[in-house]
Amino acid sequence: MLDLAWEGLAEAVRNKGFRITEMTDRDLDEFTELRTLIEVPTVGRVAATAGAARLEALRPMAERIVAAARQGDVLGYLEADHRFHLELLGLAGNDRLVEVVADLRKRSRLYGLGSLNETGRLVASAREHVELLDLMVAGNARAAEDRMRRHLSHIRTLWANGHQAPEDDQRPALHLDGHR
Protein backbone atom coordinates (compact mmCIF):
# COMPACT_ATOMS: atom_id res chain seq x y z
CA MET A 1 0.00 0.00 0.00
CA LEU A 2 2.88 2.36 0.70
CA ASP A 3 4.16 1.78 -2.83
CA LEU A 4 0.72 2.65 -4.21
CA ALA A 5 0.65 5.78 -2.06
CA TRP A 6 4.13 6.76 -3.27
CA GLU A 7 2.93 6.36 -6.85
CA GLY A 8 -0.12 8.53 -6.17
CA LEU A 9 -2.63 5.71 -6.67
CA ALA A 10 -3.67 5.56 -3.01
CA GLU A 11 -3.44 7.89 -0.06
CA ALA A 12 -2.96 7.24 3.63
CA VAL A 13 -5.88 8.22 5.85
CA ARG A 14 -4.77 8.85 9.42
CA ASN A 15 -6.00 6.17 11.84
CA LYS A 16 -8.10 4.55 9.10
CA GLY A 17 -5.78 3.01 6.50
CA PHE A 18 -5.72 3.87 2.82
CA ARG A 19 -8.11 4.95 0.09
CA ILE A 20 -7.81 5.00 -3.67
CA THR A 21 -7.10 8.49 -4.97
CA GLU A 22 -9.77 10.12 -7.11
CA MET A 23 -8.94 10.79 -10.74
CA THR A 24 -10.15 14.14 -12.01
CA ASP A 25 -10.85 15.17 -15.58
CA ARG A 26 -7.85 17.47 -15.32
CA ASP A 27 -5.64 14.55 -14.27
CA LEU A 28 -6.83 12.51 -17.25
CA ASP A 29 -6.32 15.48 -19.60
CA GLU A 30 -2.77 15.99 -18.33
CA PHE A 31 -1.87 12.31 -18.65
CA THR A 32 -3.32 12.26 -22.17
CA GLU A 33 -1.39 15.39 -23.12
CA LEU A 34 1.87 13.88 -21.89
CA ARG A 35 1.23 10.61 -23.67
CA THR A 36 0.40 12.52 -26.87
CA LEU A 37 3.62 14.51 -26.63
CA ILE A 38 5.63 11.32 -26.21
CA GLU A 39 3.82 8.63 -28.19
CA VAL A 40 2.78 10.46 -31.35
CA PRO A 41 6.27 11.45 -32.54
CA THR A 42 7.70 8.15 -31.32
CA VAL A 43 5.19 6.20 -33.41
CA GLY A 44 6.17 8.31 -36.42
CA ARG A 45 9.85 7.64 -35.84
CA VAL A 46 9.28 3.91 -35.37
CA ALA A 47 7.15 3.76 -38.53
CA ALA A 48 10.00 5.34 -40.47
CA THR A 49 12.83 3.27 -39.01
CA ALA A 50 11.74 -0.07 -37.53
CA GLY A 51 11.08 -2.01 -40.72
CA ALA A 52 8.05 -4.08 -41.64
CA ALA A 53 9.30 -7.36 -40.13
CA ARG A 54 9.81 -5.90 -36.65
CA LEU A 55 6.42 -4.22 -36.79
CA GLU A 56 4.68 -7.35 -38.09
CA ALA A 57 5.96 -9.18 -35.02
CA LEU A 58 3.46 -7.07 -33.04
CA ARG A 59 0.47 -8.14 -35.15
CA PRO A 60 -0.49 -11.15 -32.97
CA MET A 61 -0.65 -8.83 -29.99
CA ALA A 62 -2.81 -6.30 -31.86
CA GLU A 63 -5.11 -9.13 -32.88
CA ARG A 64 -5.28 -10.34 -29.25
CA ILE A 65 -6.54 -6.89 -28.30
CA VAL A 66 -9.37 -7.21 -30.82
CA ALA A 67 -10.18 -10.79 -29.78
CA ALA A 68 -10.34 -9.83 -26.10
CA ALA A 69 -12.60 -6.88 -26.90
CA ARG A 70 -14.95 -9.07 -28.96
CA GLN A 71 -15.18 -11.53 -26.07
CA GLY A 72 -15.87 -8.73 -23.58
CA ASP A 73 -12.66 -9.69 -21.75
CA VAL A 74 -11.66 -6.31 -20.32
CA LEU A 75 -8.72 -7.72 -18.36
CA GLY A 76 -7.40 -9.53 -21.44
CA TYR A 77 -7.85 -6.31 -23.42
CA LEU A 78 -5.91 -4.32 -20.83
CA GLU A 79 -3.06 -6.80 -20.71
CA ALA A 80 -2.69 -7.05 -24.50
CA ASP A 81 -3.15 -3.28 -24.94
CA HIS A 82 -0.48 -2.56 -22.33
CA ARG A 83 2.01 -4.94 -23.92
CA PHE A 84 1.28 -3.71 -27.46
CA HIS A 85 1.79 -0.04 -26.65
CA LEU A 86 4.96 -0.59 -24.63
CA GLU A 87 6.54 -3.04 -27.08
CA LEU A 88 5.69 -0.76 -29.99
CA LEU A 89 7.35 2.18 -28.24
CA GLY A 90 10.23 -0.10 -27.29
CA LEU A 91 11.12 -0.32 -30.99
CA ALA A 92 12.37 3.26 -30.64
CA GLY A 93 15.21 1.91 -28.48
CA ASN A 94 14.64 4.26 -25.53
CA ASP A 95 14.00 2.33 -22.31
CA ARG A 96 13.34 5.51 -20.29
CA LEU A 97 10.63 6.58 -22.72
CA VAL A 98 8.92 3.20 -22.28
CA GLU A 99 9.16 3.51 -18.48
CA VAL A 100 7.61 6.97 -18.54
CA VAL A 101 4.70 5.87 -20.73
CA ALA A 102 4.17 2.77 -18.56
CA ASP A 103 3.96 5.03 -15.52
CA LEU A 104 1.51 7.41 -17.25
CA ARG A 105 -0.68 4.48 -18.28
CA LYS A 106 -0.64 3.13 -14.74
CA ARG A 107 -1.54 6.51 -13.29
CA SER A 108 -4.43 7.07 -15.68
CA ARG A 109 -5.72 3.59 -14.85
CA LEU A 110 -7.79 3.38 -18.04
CA TYR A 111 -11.07 4.45 -16.47
CA GLY A 112 -14.34 3.69 -18.16
CA LEU A 113 -13.37 0.52 -20.02
CA GLY A 114 -16.35 -1.29 -18.53
CA SER A 115 -18.62 1.30 -20.11
CA LEU A 116 -16.76 0.98 -23.41
CA ASN A 117 -17.33 -2.75 -23.33
CA GLU A 118 -21.04 -2.34 -22.55
CA THR A 119 -21.58 0.13 -25.41
CA GLY A 120 -19.60 -1.93 -27.92
CA ARG A 121 -16.93 0.76 -28.34
CA LEU A 122 -14.20 -1.44 -26.87
CA VAL A 123 -14.05 -3.40 -30.16
CA ALA A 124 -13.75 -0.17 -32.18
CA SER A 125 -10.94 0.99 -29.92
CA ALA A 126 -9.25 -2.40 -30.26
CA ARG A 127 -9.37 -2.25 -34.06
CA GLU A 128 -7.44 1.01 -33.98
CA HIS A 129 -4.36 -0.92 -32.89
CA VAL A 130 -4.48 -3.01 -36.06
CA GLU A 131 -5.11 0.12 -38.16
CA LEU A 132 -2.12 1.83 -36.53
CA LEU A 133 0.07 -1.19 -37.19
CA ASP A 134 -1.07 -1.36 -40.83
CA LEU A 135 -0.10 2.29 -41.36
CA MET A 136 3.27 1.74 -39.72
CA VAL A 137 4.04 -1.41 -41.72
CA ALA A 138 3.24 0.56 -44.87
CA GLY A 139 5.82 3.14 -43.74
CA ASN A 140 3.24 5.91 -43.55
CA ALA A 141 4.67 7.73 -40.54
CA ARG A 142 2.46 10.82 -40.84
CA ALA A 143 -0.79 8.82 -41.03
CA ALA A 144 0.41 6.63 -38.13
CA GLU A 145 1.03 9.75 -36.04
CA ASP A 146 -2.45 11.03 -36.90
CA ARG A 147 -4.03 7.66 -35.99
CA MET A 148 -2.17 7.58 -32.67
CA ARG A 149 -3.18 11.16 -31.86
CA ARG A 150 -6.85 10.41 -32.57
CA HIS A 151 -6.67 7.15 -30.62
CA LEU A 152 -5.30 8.85 -27.53
CA SER A 153 -7.63 11.82 -27.84
CA HIS A 154 -10.89 10.01 -28.28
CA ILE A 155 -10.11 7.12 -25.94
CA ARG A 156 -9.45 9.74 -23.25
CA THR A 157 -12.94 11.14 -23.81
CA LEU A 158 -14.49 7.69 -23.76
CA TRP A 159 -12.70 6.69 -20.56
CA ALA A 160 -13.98 9.75 -18.77
CA ASN A 161 -17.51 9.81 -20.14
CA GLY A 162 -18.22 6.16 -20.88
CA HIS A 163 -20.28 7.10 -23.92
CA GLN A 164 -19.91 6.73 -27.63
CA ALA A 165 -17.60 9.01 -29.53
CA PRO A 166 -18.46 10.23 -32.99
CA GLU A 167 -18.15 7.44 -35.56
CA ASP A 168 -16.24 9.50 -38.10
CA ASP A 169 -12.52 10.03 -37.96
CA GLN A 170 -13.00 13.78 -37.75
CA ARG A 171 -12.91 13.69 -33.96
CA PRO A 172 -11.13 16.72 -32.56
CA ALA A 173 -7.53 16.05 -31.64
CA LEU A 174 -6.07 17.09 -28.33
CA HIS A 175 -3.72 19.93 -29.11
CA LEU A 176 -0.53 20.51 -27.18
CA ASP A 177 -2.16 23.27 -25.16
CA GLY A 178 -4.82 20.80 -23.98
CA HIS A 179 -7.67 22.33 -26.00
CA ARG A 180 -9.67 20.59 -28.71
C-alpha atoms as a PDB file:
ATOM      1  CA  MET A   1       0.000   0.000   0.000  1.00  0.00           C
ATOM      2  CA  LEU A   2       2.877   2.359   0.701  1.00  0.00           C
ATOM      3  CA  ASP A   3       4.160   1.776  -2.826  1.00  0.00           C
ATOM      4  CA  LEU A   4       0.715   2.648  -4.208  1.00  0.00           C
ATOM      5  CA  ALA A   5       0.652   5.783  -2.055  1.00  0.00           C
ATOM      6  CA  TRP A   6       4.127   6.760  -3.272  1.00  0.00           C
ATOM      7  CA  GLU A   7       2.929   6.355  -6.851  1.00  0.00           C
ATOM      8  CA  GLY A   8      -0.122   8.533  -6.174  1.00  0.00           C
ATOM      9  CA  LEU A   9      -2.626   5.711  -6.666  1.00  0.00           C
ATOM     10  CA  ALA A  10      -3.672   5.564  -3.011  1.00  0.00           C
ATOM     11  CA  GLU A  11      -3.439   7.889  -0.064  1.00  0.00           C
ATOM     12  CA  ALA A  12      -2.959   7.244   3.634  1.00  0.00           C
ATOM     13  CA  VAL A  13      -5.876   8.224   5.851  1.00  0.00           C
ATOM     14  CA  ARG A  14      -4.767   8.851   9.422  1.00  0.00           C
ATOM     15  CA  ASN A  15      -6.001   6.166  11.843  1.00  0.00           C
ATOM     16  CA  LYS A  16      -8.104   4.548   9.100  1.00  0.00           C
ATOM     17  CA  GLY A  17      -5.783   3.010   6.505  1.00  0.00           C
ATOM     18  CA  PHE A  18      -5.722   3.866   2.815  1.00  0.00           C
ATOM     19  CA  ARG A  19      -8.107   4.947   0.091  1.00  0.00           C
ATOM     20  CA  ILE A  20      -7.814   5.004  -3.672  1.00  0.00           C
ATOM     21  CA  THR A  21      -7.098   8.488  -4.974  1.00  0.00           C
ATOM     22  CA  GLU A  22      -9.766  10.115  -7.109  1.00  0.00           C
ATOM     23  CA  MET A  23      -8.939  10.790 -10.742  1.00  0.00           C
ATOM     24  CA  THR A  24     -10.153  14.144 -12.009  1.00  0.00           C
ATOM     25  CA  ASP A  25     -10.848  15.173 -15.582  1.00  0.00           C
ATOM     26  CA  ARG A  26      -7.845  17.469 -15.320  1.00  0.00           C
ATOM     27  CA  ASP A  27      -5.644  14.551 -14.268  1.00  0.00           C
ATOM     28  CA  LEU A  28      -6.827  12.513 -17.255  1.00  0.00           C
ATOM     29  CA  ASP A  29      -6.317  15.478 -19.603  1.00  0.00           C
ATOM     30  CA  GLU A  30      -2.772  15.994 -18.330  1.00  0.00           C
ATOM     31  CA  PHE A  31      -1.875  12.309 -18.651  1.00  0.00           C
ATOM     32  CA  THR A  32      -3.315  12.255 -22.171  1.00  0.00           C
ATOM     33  CA  GLU A  33      -1.391  15.389 -23.124  1.00  0.00           C
ATOM     34  CA  LEU A  34       1.871  13.879 -21.893  1.00  0.00           C
ATOM     35  CA  ARG A  35       1.226  10.612 -23.673  1.00  0.00           C
ATOM     36  CA  THR A  36       0.403  12.519 -26.867  1.00  0.00           C
ATOM     37  CA  LEU A  37       3.623  14.513 -26.634  1.00  0.00           C
ATOM     38  CA  ILE A  38       5.626  11.316 -26.211  1.00  0.00           C
ATOM     39  CA  GLU A  39       3.824   8.634 -28.187  1.00  0.00           C
ATOM     40  CA  VAL A  40       2.780  10.455 -31.353  1.00  0.00           C
ATOM     41  CA  PRO A  41       6.271  11.453 -32.544  1.00  0.00           C
ATOM     42  CA  THR A  42       7.705   8.151 -31.323  1.00  0.00           C
ATOM     43  CA  VAL A  43       5.191   6.202 -33.411  1.00  0.00           C
ATOM     44  CA  GLY A  44       6.174   8.311 -36.425  1.00  0.00           C
ATOM     45  CA  ARG A  45       9.853   7.640 -35.844  1.00  0.00           C
ATOM     46  CA  VAL A  46       9.284   3.907 -35.367  1.00  0.00           C
ATOM     47  CA  ALA A  47       7.153   3.761 -38.535  1.00  0.00           C
ATOM     48  CA  ALA A  48      10.003   5.344 -40.473  1.00  0.00           C
ATOM     49  CA  THR A  49      12.833   3.269 -39.011  1.00  0.00           C
ATOM     50  CA  ALA A  50      11.737  -0.070 -37.531  1.00  0.00           C
ATOM     51  CA  GLY A  51      11.077  -2.010 -40.723  1.00  0.00           C
ATOM     52  CA  ALA A  52       8.053  -4.081 -41.642  1.00  0.00           C
ATOM     53  CA  ALA A  53       9.302  -7.360 -40.127  1.00  0.00           C
ATOM     54  CA  ARG A  54       9.807  -5.903 -36.646  1.00  0.00           C
ATOM     55  CA  LEU A  55       6.419  -4.217 -36.793  1.00  0.00           C
ATOM     56  CA  GLU A  56       4.677  -7.354 -38.086  1.00  0.00           C
ATOM     57  CA  ALA A  57       5.958  -9.180 -35.024  1.00  0.00           C
ATOM     58  CA  LEU A  58       3.464  -7.066 -33.040  1.00  0.00           C
ATOM     59  CA  ARG A  59       0.474  -8.142 -35.148  1.00  0.00           C
ATOM     60  CA  PRO A  60      -0.489 -11.154 -32.971  1.00  0.00           C
ATOM     61  CA  MET A  61      -0.652  -8.834 -29.986  1.00  0.00           C
ATOM     62  CA  ALA A  62      -2.814  -6.297 -31.863  1.00  0.00           C
ATOM     63  CA  GLU A  63      -5.108  -9.134 -32.884  1.00  0.00           C
ATOM     64  CA  ARG A  64      -5.276 -10.338 -29.253  1.00  0.00           C
ATOM     65  CA  ILE A  65      -6.538  -6.885 -28.295  1.00  0.00           C
ATOM     66  CA  VAL A  66      -9.365  -7.213 -30.822  1.00  0.00           C
ATOM     67  CA  ALA A  67     -10.176 -10.790 -29.777  1.00  0.00           C
ATOM     68  CA  ALA A  68     -10.341  -9.830 -26.098  1.00  0.00           C
ATOM     69  CA  ALA A  69     -12.601  -6.878 -26.896  1.00  0.00           C
ATOM     70  CA  ARG A  70     -14.952  -9.069 -28.965  1.00  0.00           C
ATOM     71  CA  GLN A  71     -15.178 -11.533 -26.069  1.00  0.00           C
ATOM     72  CA  GLY A  72     -15.868  -8.734 -23.575  1.00  0.00           C
ATOM     73  CA  ASP A  73     -12.658  -9.692 -21.746  1.00  0.00           C
ATOM     74  CA  VAL A  74     -11.660  -6.307 -20.323  1.00  0.00           C
ATOM     75  CA  LEU A  75      -8.721  -7.720 -18.358  1.00  0.00           C
ATOM     76  CA  GLY A  76      -7.404  -9.528 -21.443  1.00  0.00           C
ATOM     77  CA  TYR A  77      -7.854  -6.306 -23.420  1.00  0.00           C
ATOM     78  CA  LEU A  78      -5.907  -4.322 -20.830  1.00  0.00           C
ATOM     79  CA  GLU A  79      -3.058  -6.804 -20.715  1.00  0.00           C
ATOM     80  CA  ALA A  80      -2.691  -7.049 -24.497  1.00  0.00           C
ATOM     81  CA  ASP A  81      -3.146  -3.280 -24.943  1.00  0.00           C
ATOM     82  CA  HIS A  82      -0.479  -2.564 -22.331  1.00  0.00           C
ATOM     83  CA  ARG A  83       2.011  -4.937 -23.924  1.00  0.00           C
ATOM     84  CA  PHE A  84       1.281  -3.714 -27.457  1.00  0.00           C
ATOM     85  CA  HIS A  85       1.790  -0.040 -26.650  1.00  0.00           C
ATOM     86  CA  LEU A  86       4.959  -0.585 -24.632  1.00  0.00           C
ATOM     87  CA  GLU A  87       6.536  -3.043 -27.083  1.00  0.00           C
ATOM     88  CA  LEU A  88       5.691  -0.758 -29.994  1.00  0.00           C
ATOM     89  CA  LEU A  89       7.346   2.178 -28.242  1.00  0.00           C
ATOM     90  CA  GLY A  90      10.233  -0.100 -27.290  1.00  0.00           C
ATOM     91  CA  LEU A  91      11.123  -0.325 -30.986  1.00  0.00           C
ATOM     92  CA  ALA A  92      12.373   3.261 -30.638  1.00  0.00           C
ATOM     93  CA  GLY A  93      15.210   1.912 -28.480  1.00  0.00           C
ATOM     94  CA  ASN A  94      14.639   4.264 -25.527  1.00  0.00           C
ATOM     95  CA  ASP A  95      13.999   2.332 -22.312  1.00  0.00           C
ATOM     96  CA  ARG A  96      13.345   5.505 -20.294  1.00  0.00           C
ATOM     97  CA  LEU A  97      10.629   6.575 -22.721  1.00  0.00           C
ATOM     98  CA  VAL A  98       8.916   3.205 -22.281  1.00  0.00           C
ATOM     99  CA  GLU A  99       9.162   3.509 -18.481  1.00  0.00           C
ATOM    100  CA  VAL A 100       7.610   6.975 -18.537  1.00  0.00           C
ATOM    101  CA  VAL A 101       4.696   5.871 -20.726  1.00  0.00           C
ATOM    102  CA  ALA A 102       4.172   2.765 -18.559  1.00  0.00           C
ATOM    103  CA  ASP A 103       3.959   5.031 -15.524  1.00  0.00           C
ATOM    104  CA  LEU A 104       1.514   7.409 -17.246  1.00  0.00           C
ATOM    105  CA  ARG A 105      -0.680   4.481 -18.278  1.00  0.00           C
ATOM    106  CA  LYS A 106      -0.641   3.130 -14.738  1.00  0.00           C
ATOM    107  CA  ARG A 107      -1.543   6.508 -13.285  1.00  0.00           C
ATOM    108  CA  SER A 108      -4.429   7.072 -15.683  1.00  0.00           C
ATOM    109  CA  ARG A 109      -5.724   3.586 -14.853  1.00  0.00           C
ATOM    110  CA  LEU A 110      -7.790   3.379 -18.039  1.00  0.00           C
ATOM    111  CA  TYR A 111     -11.066   4.453 -16.469  1.00  0.00           C
ATOM    112  CA  GLY A 112     -14.343   3.690 -18.161  1.00  0.00           C
ATOM    113  CA  LEU A 113     -13.367   0.520 -20.017  1.00  0.00           C
ATOM    114  CA  GLY A 114     -16.349  -1.294 -18.525  1.00  0.00           C
ATOM    115  CA  SER A 115     -18.616   1.298 -20.109  1.00  0.00           C
ATOM    116  CA  LEU A 116     -16.760   0.977 -23.411  1.00  0.00           C
ATOM    117  CA  ASN A 117     -17.329  -2.747 -23.325  1.00  0.00           C
ATOM    118  CA  GLU A 118     -21.037  -2.339 -22.555  1.00  0.00           C
ATOM    119  CA  THR A 119     -21.576   0.132 -25.413  1.00  0.00           C
ATOM    120  CA  GLY A 120     -19.598  -1.932 -27.917  1.00  0.00           C
ATOM    121  CA  ARG A 121     -16.932   0.761 -28.339  1.00  0.00           C
ATOM    122  CA  LEU A 122     -14.196  -1.439 -26.875  1.00  0.00           C
ATOM    123  CA  VAL A 123     -14.053  -3.396 -30.162  1.00  0.00           C
ATOM    124  CA  ALA A 124     -13.749  -0.168 -32.178  1.00  0.00           C
ATOM    125  CA  SER A 125     -10.935   0.987 -29.916  1.00  0.00           C
ATOM    126  CA  ALA A 126      -9.246  -2.401 -30.261  1.00  0.00           C
ATOM    127  CA  ARG A 127      -9.374  -2.249 -34.059  1.00  0.00           C
ATOM    128  CA  GLU A 128      -7.442   1.012 -33.982  1.00  0.00           C
ATOM    129  CA  HIS A 129      -4.362  -0.919 -32.887  1.00  0.00           C
ATOM    130  CA  VAL A 130      -4.482  -3.013 -36.058  1.00  0.00           C
ATOM    131  CA  GLU A 131      -5.109   0.125 -38.155  1.00  0.00           C
ATOM    132  CA  LEU A 132      -2.122   1.828 -36.527  1.00  0.00           C
ATOM    133  CA  LEU A 133       0.066  -1.186 -37.191  1.00  0.00           C
ATOM    134  CA  ASP A 134      -1.068  -1.358 -40.830  1.00  0.00           C
ATOM    135  CA  LEU A 135      -0.099   2.287 -41.357  1.00  0.00           C
ATOM    136  CA  MET A 136       3.271   1.739 -39.721  1.00  0.00           C
ATOM    137  CA  VAL A 137       4.042  -1.411 -41.718  1.00  0.00           C
ATOM    138  CA  ALA A 138       3.243   0.565 -44.873  1.00  0.00           C
ATOM    139  CA  GLY A 139       5.821   3.137 -43.737  1.00  0.00           C
ATOM    140  CA  ASN A 140       3.240   5.913 -43.550  1.00  0.00           C
ATOM    141  CA  ALA A 141       4.670   7.734 -40.544  1.00  0.00           C
ATOM    142  CA  ARG A 142       2.458  10.816 -40.840  1.00  0.00           C
ATOM    143  CA  ALA A 143      -0.788   8.816 -41.031  1.00  0.00           C
ATOM    144  CA  ALA A 144       0.407   6.630 -38.128  1.00  0.00           C
ATOM    145  CA  GLU A 145       1.027   9.750 -36.043  1.00  0.00           C
ATOM    146  CA  ASP A 146      -2.449  11.035 -36.905  1.00  0.00           C
ATOM    147  CA  ARG A 147      -4.027   7.662 -35.987  1.00  0.00           C
ATOM    148  CA  MET A 148      -2.170   7.580 -32.671  1.00  0.00           C
ATOM    149  CA  ARG A 149      -3.183  11.159 -31.859  1.00  0.00           C
ATOM    150  CA  ARG A 150      -6.848  10.409 -32.569  1.00  0.00           C
ATOM    151  CA  HIS A 151      -6.665   7.152 -30.618  1.00  0.00           C
ATOM    152  CA  LEU A 152      -5.296   8.854 -27.526  1.00  0.00           C
ATOM    153  CA  SER A 153      -7.630  11.820 -27.842  1.00  0.00           C
ATOM    154  CA  HIS A 154     -10.886  10.007 -28.277  1.00  0.00           C
ATOM    155  CA  ILE A 155     -10.112   7.121 -25.942  1.00  0.00           C
ATOM    156  CA  ARG A 156      -9.448   9.739 -23.251  1.00  0.00           C
ATOM    157  CA  THR A 157     -12.936  11.138 -23.807  1.00  0.00           C
ATOM    158  CA  LEU A 158     -14.487   7.694 -23.759  1.00  0.00           C
ATOM    159  CA  TRP A 159     -12.702   6.692 -20.561  1.00  0.00           C
ATOM    160  CA  ALA A 160     -13.980   9.748 -18.768  1.00  0.00           C
ATOM    161  CA  ASN A 161     -17.507   9.807 -20.136  1.00  0.00           C
ATOM    162  CA  GLY A 162     -18.216   6.165 -20.877  1.00  0.00           C
ATOM    163  CA  HIS A 163     -20.280   7.099 -23.918  1.00  0.00           C
ATOM    164  CA  GLN A 164     -19.907   6.730 -27.628  1.00  0.00           C
ATOM    165  CA  ALA A 165     -17.595   9.006 -29.535  1.00  0.00           C
ATOM    166  CA  PRO A 166     -18.459  10.229 -32.991  1.00  0.00           C
ATOM    167  CA  GLU A 167     -18.153   7.445 -35.562  1.00  0.00           C
ATOM    168  CA  ASP A 168     -16.239   9.497 -38.101  1.00  0.00           C
ATOM    169  CA  ASP A 169     -12.517  10.033 -37.965  1.00  0.00           C
ATOM    170  CA  GLN A 170     -13.000  13.784 -37.753  1.00  0.00           C
ATOM    171  CA  ARG A 171     -12.912  13.686 -33.958  1.00  0.00           C
ATOM    172  CA  PRO A 172     -11.132  16.717 -32.556  1.00  0.00           C
ATOM    173  CA  ALA A 173      -7.533  16.053 -31.641  1.00  0.00           C
ATOM    174  CA  LEU A 174      -6.070  17.088 -28.334  1.00  0.00           C
ATOM    175  CA  HIS A 175      -3.716  19.935 -29.108  1.00  0.00           C
ATOM    176  CA  LEU A 176      -0.528  20.505 -27.181  1.00  0.00           C
ATOM    177  CA  ASP A 177      -2.165  23.269 -25.161  1.00  0.00           C
ATOM    178  CA  GLY A 178      -4.819  20.803 -23.981  1.00  0.00           C
ATOM    179  CA  HIS A 179      -7.667  22.332 -26.004  1.00  0.00           C
ATOM    180  CA  ARG A 180      -9.667  20.592 -28.712  1.00  0.00           C
END
